[in-house]
Amino acid sequence: MKTVWLAIFIASSLLLIAVVLRNRLSWGWLRVFSLHLVMAAALLYVLNYSGLVPGMYIPLNPVTLGAVIALGIPGVALIIGLQWVVV
């Protein structure tokens, strides 16, 4: 069963790469997404090690980066608020 899922994953990944390479509009989207990803990671890194939010550590993982990429500064506030309430 694992072989079937692996084959489906590889085939869908190859088809996704083919669609991205075929459409020229996808390159602009990929550039913007990469820029947002780098900026979000840098922002979280600076917040973690600058001490602006004392006692808080925001891990750099796909969930936190995704929230910051999608929401921007409100995403950072959301993650800080969730850590404050939950943890």
Protein backbone atom coordinates (compact mmCIF):
# COMPACT_ATOMS: atom_id res chain seq x y z
CA MET A 1 0.00 0.00 0.00
CA LYS A 2 2.90 2.33 0.74
CA THR A 3 4.19 1.80 -2.78
CA VAL A 4 0.85 2.91 -4.25
CA TRP A 5 0.81 6.11 -2.17
CA LEU A 6 4.43 6.82 -3.05
CA ALA A 7 3.70 6.36 -6.76
CA ILE A 8 0.69 8.69 -6.53
CA PHE A 9 2.78 11.29 -4.68
CA ILE A 10 5.61 11.15 -7.22
CA ALA A 11 3.23 11.32 -10.19
CA SER A 12 1.29 14.25 -8.79
CA SER A 13 4.52 16.07 -7.91
CA LEU A 14 5.84 15.63 -11.44
CA LEU A 15 2.58 16.85 -12.93
CA LEU A 16 2.60 19.89 -10.64
CA ILE A 17 6.17 20.72 -11.67
CA ALA A 18 5.16 20.35 -15.34
CA VAL A 19 2.25 22.77 -14.90
CA VAL A 20 4.45 25.31 -13.09
CA LEU A 21 7.17 25.13 -15.72
CA ARG A 22 4.71 25.32 -18.62
CA ASN A 23 2.87 28.44 -17.47
CA ARG A 24 4.92 31.60 -17.51
CA LEU A 25 2.61 33.29 -15.02
CA SER A 26 3.63 30.77 -12.39
CA TRP A 27 7.16 32.17 -12.19
CA GLY A 28 5.93 35.52 -10.86
CA TRP A 29 3.78 33.77 -8.26
CA LEU A 30 6.71 31.59 -7.24
CA ARG A 31 8.97 34.64 -6.87
CA VAL A 32 6.41 36.48 -4.70
CA PHE A 33 5.81 33.40 -2.55
CA SER A 34 9.55 32.88 -2.05
CA LEU A 35 10.00 36.51 -1.06
CA HIS A 36 7.17 36.29 1.45
CA LEU A 37 8.59 33.05 2.85
CA VAL A 38 12.02 34.58 3.41
CA MET A 39 10.55 37.74 4.94
CA ALA A 40 8.30 35.74 7.29
CA ALA A 41 11.18 33.54 8.43
CA ALA A 42 13.38 36.59 8.99
CA LEU A 43 10.63 38.34 10.97
CA LEU A 44 10.09 35.33 13.23
CA TYR A 45 13.83 34.92 13.68
CA VAL A 46 14.23 38.57 14.67
CA LEU A 47 11.30 38.36 17.08
CA ASN A 48 12.70 35.25 18.72
CA TYR A 49 16.19 36.57 19.31
CA SER A 50 15.62 40.30 19.81
CA GLY A 51 13.64 40.03 23.03
CA LEU A 52 10.80 42.27 21.80
CA VAL A 53 8.31 39.76 23.17
CA PRO A 54 9.82 38.66 26.50
CA GLY A 55 9.26 35.05 27.48
CA MET A 56 7.86 34.05 24.09
CA TYR A 57 9.46 31.78 21.52
CA ILE A 58 7.76 31.29 18.16
CA PRO A 59 9.11 28.17 16.45
CA LEU A 60 10.02 28.28 12.78
CA ASN A 61 7.87 25.51 11.32
CA PRO A 62 5.50 25.26 8.34
CA VAL A 63 2.41 26.13 10.40
CA THR A 64 3.80 29.33 11.90
CA LEU A 65 5.43 30.38 8.63
CA GLY A 66 2.17 29.69 6.77
CA ALA A 67 0.19 31.86 9.20
CA VAL A 68 2.68 34.71 8.86
CA ILE A 69 2.83 34.38 5.06
CA ALA A 70 -0.95 34.36 4.71
CA LEU A 71 -1.81 37.00 7.33
CA GLY A 72 1.33 39.09 7.72
CA ILE A 73 1.70 41.03 10.97
CA PRO A 74 -1.75 39.91 12.22
CA GLY A 75 -0.47 36.34 11.77
CA VAL A 76 2.38 37.07 14.17
CA ALA A 77 -0.12 38.56 16.63
CA LEU A 78 -2.32 35.47 16.20
CA ILE A 79 0.52 33.10 17.02
CA ILE A 80 1.64 35.17 20.01
CA GLY A 81 -1.95 35.28 21.26
CA LEU A 82 -2.39 31.54 20.82
CA GLN A 83 0.82 30.86 22.73
CA TRP A 84 -0.25 33.23 25.49
CA VAL A 85 -3.70 31.62 25.83
CA VAL A 86 -2.83 27.95 25.26
CA VAL A 87 0.63 27.63 26.75
